[in-house]
Amino acid sequence: MGGVTTIGDRADRVPKQDRSRATRQRLLEAAVACLAEHGWAGSTVTVVAERAGVSRGAAQHHFPTREDLFTAAVEYVAEERSTALRALFPQGAQDDRRAVISALVDLYTGPLFRAALHLWVAASNEEQLRPRVTELEARVGRETHRIAVDLLGADESKPGVRETVQGLLDMARGLGLANLLTDDKARRDRVVTQWTALLNETLLQGL
């Protein structure tokens, strides 16, 4: 009968939805890897599709434009990293703030940060890309700040606490930029130790 959905039809549709999600995820991961390795100029939809093992047509079905693909890719991996960061400290970590600060600094090293940096540079010259990246960066920044506040047990109603947490994230981004040129882990560890002492002092004020 017309319009009747059978059990067999539903069974066929579920695997198709799963395949579609898997294809989308492969494209997002491949886009971040390409952006990190080749920069904006070398990262076309065709290159990403080949790396993901899908056709260009399939890639454009999920992401009609290049800008759609790369902003979605950086956002996807940023969300994955945020989830992983929270999972490291499911009960919070006020008793080990150094571990939290070290984990936050690690967010700004590796392929995700490199990919995001290439996207920022491209956005400074690409009018179509700039508003997307600006909005994405603001959203990711707000989420990272919320995670830092939660994990550190910071009370932002106290004077200076919000600015200190934001300063920590700005410092972590700066260390990530420095890490692009040279991996100076010893210096990074000293900075993390100093920021731990600063945060502990700031967060304990008024207790």
Protein backbone atom coordinates (compact mmCIF):
# COMPACT_ATOMS: atom_id res chain seq x y z
CA MET A 1 0.00 0.00 0.00
CA GLY A 2 1.24 3.46 -0.82
CA GLY A 3 2.63 5.47 2.08
CA VAL A 4 3.04 2.47 4.38
CA THR A 5 6.50 2.08 5.94
CA THR A 6 7.44 -1.54 6.54
CA ILE A 7 9.85 -2.94 9.12
CA GLY A 8 12.21 -3.75 6.28
CA ASP A 9 12.18 -0.14 5.11
CA ARG A 10 13.09 1.06 8.61
CA ALA A 11 15.88 -1.50 8.86
CA ASP A 12 17.33 -0.26 5.57
CA ARG A 13 17.13 3.36 6.61
CA VAL A 14 19.00 3.06 9.92
CA PRO A 15 22.24 1.71 8.43
CA LYS A 16 22.04 4.43 5.76
CA GLN A 17 21.83 7.08 8.48
CA ASP A 18 24.77 5.47 10.27
CA ARG A 19 26.80 5.48 7.05
CA SER A 20 25.95 9.14 6.50
CA ARG A 21 27.13 10.07 10.00
CA ALA A 22 30.31 8.05 9.54
CA THR A 23 31.02 9.76 6.21
CA ARG A 24 30.48 13.19 7.76
CA GLN A 25 32.83 12.38 10.63
CA ARG A 26 35.55 11.13 8.27
CA LEU A 27 35.27 14.34 6.26
CA LEU A 28 35.54 16.51 9.38
CA GLU A 29 38.58 14.66 10.69
CA ALA A 30 40.24 14.70 7.27
CA ALA A 31 39.57 18.44 6.92
CA VAL A 32 41.30 19.23 10.22
CA ALA A 33 44.27 17.02 9.32
CA CYS A 34 44.61 18.67 5.89
CA LEU A 35 44.32 22.17 7.31
CA ALA A 36 46.95 21.42 9.95
CA GLU A 37 49.35 19.89 7.42
CA HIS A 38 48.78 21.97 4.27
CA GLY A 39 47.17 25.22 5.40
CA TRP A 40 44.18 26.89 3.80
CA ALA A 41 45.68 27.21 0.32
CA GLY A 42 46.47 23.50 0.09
CA SER A 43 43.23 22.25 1.61
CA THR A 44 40.54 21.96 -1.03
CA VAL A 45 37.33 19.96 -0.86
CA THR A 46 38.82 17.52 -3.38
CA VAL A 47 41.93 16.95 -1.26
CA VAL A 48 39.83 16.39 1.86
CA ALA A 49 37.45 14.03 0.06
CA GLU A 50 40.37 11.94 -1.22
CA ARG A 51 41.87 11.75 2.26
CA ALA A 52 38.51 10.74 3.74
CA GLY A 53 38.01 8.10 1.04
CA VAL A 54 34.77 9.58 -0.30
CA SER A 55 33.75 11.20 -3.58
CA ARG A 56 33.77 14.97 -4.04
CA GLY A 57 30.03 14.75 -4.64
CA ALA A 58 29.51 13.04 -1.30
CA ALA A 59 31.60 15.72 0.41
CA GLN A 60 29.55 18.51 -1.16
CA HIS A 61 26.34 16.75 -0.17
CA HIS A 62 27.35 17.14 3.48
CA PHE A 63 29.14 20.49 3.10
CA PRO A 64 28.04 22.55 0.08
CA THR A 65 30.94 25.01 0.35
CA ARG A 66 34.57 24.91 1.38
CA GLU A 67 33.84 27.38 4.17
CA ASP A 68 31.08 25.10 5.50
CA LEU A 69 33.46 22.15 5.61
CA PHE A 70 36.37 23.77 7.41
CA THR A 71 34.46 25.79 9.98
CA ALA A 72 32.41 22.69 10.83
CA ALA A 73 35.60 20.62 11.06
CA VAL A 74 37.34 22.89 13.54
CA GLU A 75 34.15 23.21 15.60
CA TYR A 76 33.68 19.43 15.63
CA VAL A 77 37.17 18.69 16.89
CA ALA A 78 37.01 21.54 19.42
CA GLU A 79 33.85 19.98 20.86
CA GLU A 80 35.54 16.58 20.97
CA ARG A 81 38.52 18.06 22.81
CA SER A 82 36.23 19.85 25.28
CA THR A 83 34.42 16.59 26.01
CA ALA A 84 37.73 14.80 26.51
CA LEU A 85 38.97 17.55 28.85
CA ARG A 86 35.88 17.27 31.03
CA ALA A 87 36.24 13.49 31.05
CA LEU A 88 39.74 13.82 32.54
CA PHE A 89 38.27 15.42 35.67
CA PRO A 90 34.70 14.10 36.04
CA GLN A 91 34.50 15.22 39.68
CA GLY A 92 36.30 18.52 39.17
CA ALA A 93 39.91 19.10 40.19
CA GLN A 94 40.07 21.94 42.70
CA ASP A 95 42.62 19.92 44.67
CA ASP A 96 44.95 19.58 41.68
CA ARG A 97 44.72 22.84 39.78
CA ARG A 98 48.13 22.31 38.23
CA ALA A 99 46.80 19.26 36.38
CA VAL A 100 43.88 21.32 35.08
CA ILE A 101 46.13 24.17 33.94
CA SER A 102 48.47 21.71 32.22
CA ALA A 103 45.51 20.08 30.45
CA LEU A 104 44.22 23.49 29.32
CA VAL A 105 47.64 24.38 27.93
CA ASP A 106 47.65 21.10 26.04
CA LEU A 107 44.46 22.22 24.24
CA TYR A 108 46.58 24.78 22.42
CA THR A 109 49.17 22.34 21.10
CA GLY A 110 48.75 19.72 18.44
CA PRO A 111 46.86 19.54 15.13
CA LEU A 112 43.61 21.16 16.29
CA PHE A 113 45.29 24.40 17.30
CA ARG A 114 47.42 24.37 14.14
CA ALA A 115 44.30 23.87 12.01
CA ALA A 116 42.45 26.64 13.83
CA LEU A 117 45.42 28.97 13.35
CA HIS A 118 45.41 28.38 9.59
CA LEU A 119 41.69 29.09 9.57
CA TRP A 120 42.22 32.37 11.48
CA VAL A 121 44.91 33.51 9.03
CA ALA A 122 42.71 32.63 6.05
CA ALA A 123 39.76 34.47 7.61
CA SER A 124 41.82 37.64 7.87
CA ASN A 125 41.98 37.70 4.05
CA GLU A 126 38.74 35.94 3.06
CA GLU A 127 35.61 38.08 3.42
CA GLN A 128 33.26 35.07 3.17
CA LEU A 129 35.15 33.14 5.82
CA ARG A 130 35.75 35.91 8.37
CA PRO A 131 32.28 36.16 9.99
CA ARG A 132 32.05 32.36 10.29
CA VAL A 133 35.43 32.06 11.97
CA THR A 134 34.83 35.06 14.23
CA GLU A 135 31.57 33.54 15.48
CA LEU A 136 33.15 30.09 15.82
CA GLU A 137 36.12 31.40 17.80
CA ALA A 138 33.82 33.33 20.15
CA ARG A 139 31.71 30.21 20.77
CA VAL A 140 34.71 27.95 21.34
CA GLY A 141 36.29 30.56 23.59
CA ARG A 142 33.18 30.84 25.75
CA GLU A 143 32.95 27.06 26.13
CA THR A 144 36.64 26.74 27.03
CA HIS A 145 36.25 29.50 29.61
CA ARG A 146 33.24 27.74 31.16
CA ILE A 147 35.15 24.47 31.36
CA ALA A 148 38.14 26.19 32.99
CA VAL A 149 35.91 27.87 35.57
CA ASP A 150 34.15 24.60 36.40
CA LEU A 151 37.31 22.52 36.68
CA LEU A 152 39.18 25.09 38.72
CA GLY A 153 36.25 25.67 41.06
CA ALA A 154 36.54 29.39 40.37
CA ASP A 155 34.02 31.84 41.81
CA GLU A 156 33.80 34.61 39.23
CA SER A 157 31.75 36.81 41.56
CA LYS A 158 35.02 37.63 43.33
CA PRO A 159 37.05 40.56 41.98
CA GLY A 160 39.79 39.58 39.56
CA VAL A 161 38.86 35.90 39.25
CA ARG A 162 37.28 36.10 35.79
CA GLU A 163 40.20 38.12 34.45
CA THR A 164 42.71 35.68 35.95
CA VAL A 165 41.00 32.69 34.34
CA GLN A 166 40.85 34.51 30.99
CA GLY A 167 44.50 35.47 31.39
CA LEU A 168 45.31 31.79 31.88
CA LEU A 169 43.61 30.92 28.58
CA ASP A 170 45.34 33.79 26.77
CA MET A 171 48.65 32.60 28.19
CA ALA A 172 47.90 29.03 27.06
CA ARG A 173 47.20 30.28 23.52
CA GLY A 174 50.50 32.14 23.54
CA LEU A 175 52.36 29.01 24.62
CA GLY A 176 50.61 27.17 21.79
CA LEU A 177 51.88 29.73 19.28
CA ALA A 178 55.42 29.40 20.64
CA ASN A 179 55.13 25.63 20.40
CA LEU A 180 54.59 25.88 16.64
CA LEU A 181 58.24 26.88 16.28
CA THR A 182 59.93 24.94 19.05
CA ASP A 183 58.79 22.47 21.69
CA ASP A 184 60.17 24.05 24.86
CA LYS A 185 58.47 21.79 27.39
CA ALA A 186 60.73 22.79 30.29
CA ARG A 187 59.79 26.47 29.92
CA ARG A 188 56.13 25.56 29.53
CA ASP A 189 56.24 23.56 32.76
CA ARG A 190 57.73 26.53 34.65
CA VAL A 191 55.01 28.82 33.34
CA VAL A 192 52.31 26.30 34.34
CA THR A 193 53.78 26.13 37.84
CA GLN A 194 53.78 29.92 38.17
CA TRP A 195 50.18 30.24 36.92
CA THR A 196 49.11 27.53 39.36
CA ALA A 197 50.50 29.58 42.25
CA LEU A 198 48.85 32.74 40.90
CA LEU A 199 45.47 31.07 40.48
CA ASN A 200 45.59 29.44 43.89
CA GLU A 201 46.30 32.80 45.49
CA THR A 202 43.53 34.54 43.52
CA LEU A 203 40.93 31.84 44.09
CA LEU A 204 41.62 31.64 47.82
CA GLN A 205 41.10 35.37 48.37
CA GLY A 206 38.05 36.09 50.50
CA LEU A 207 37.66 32.51 51.78
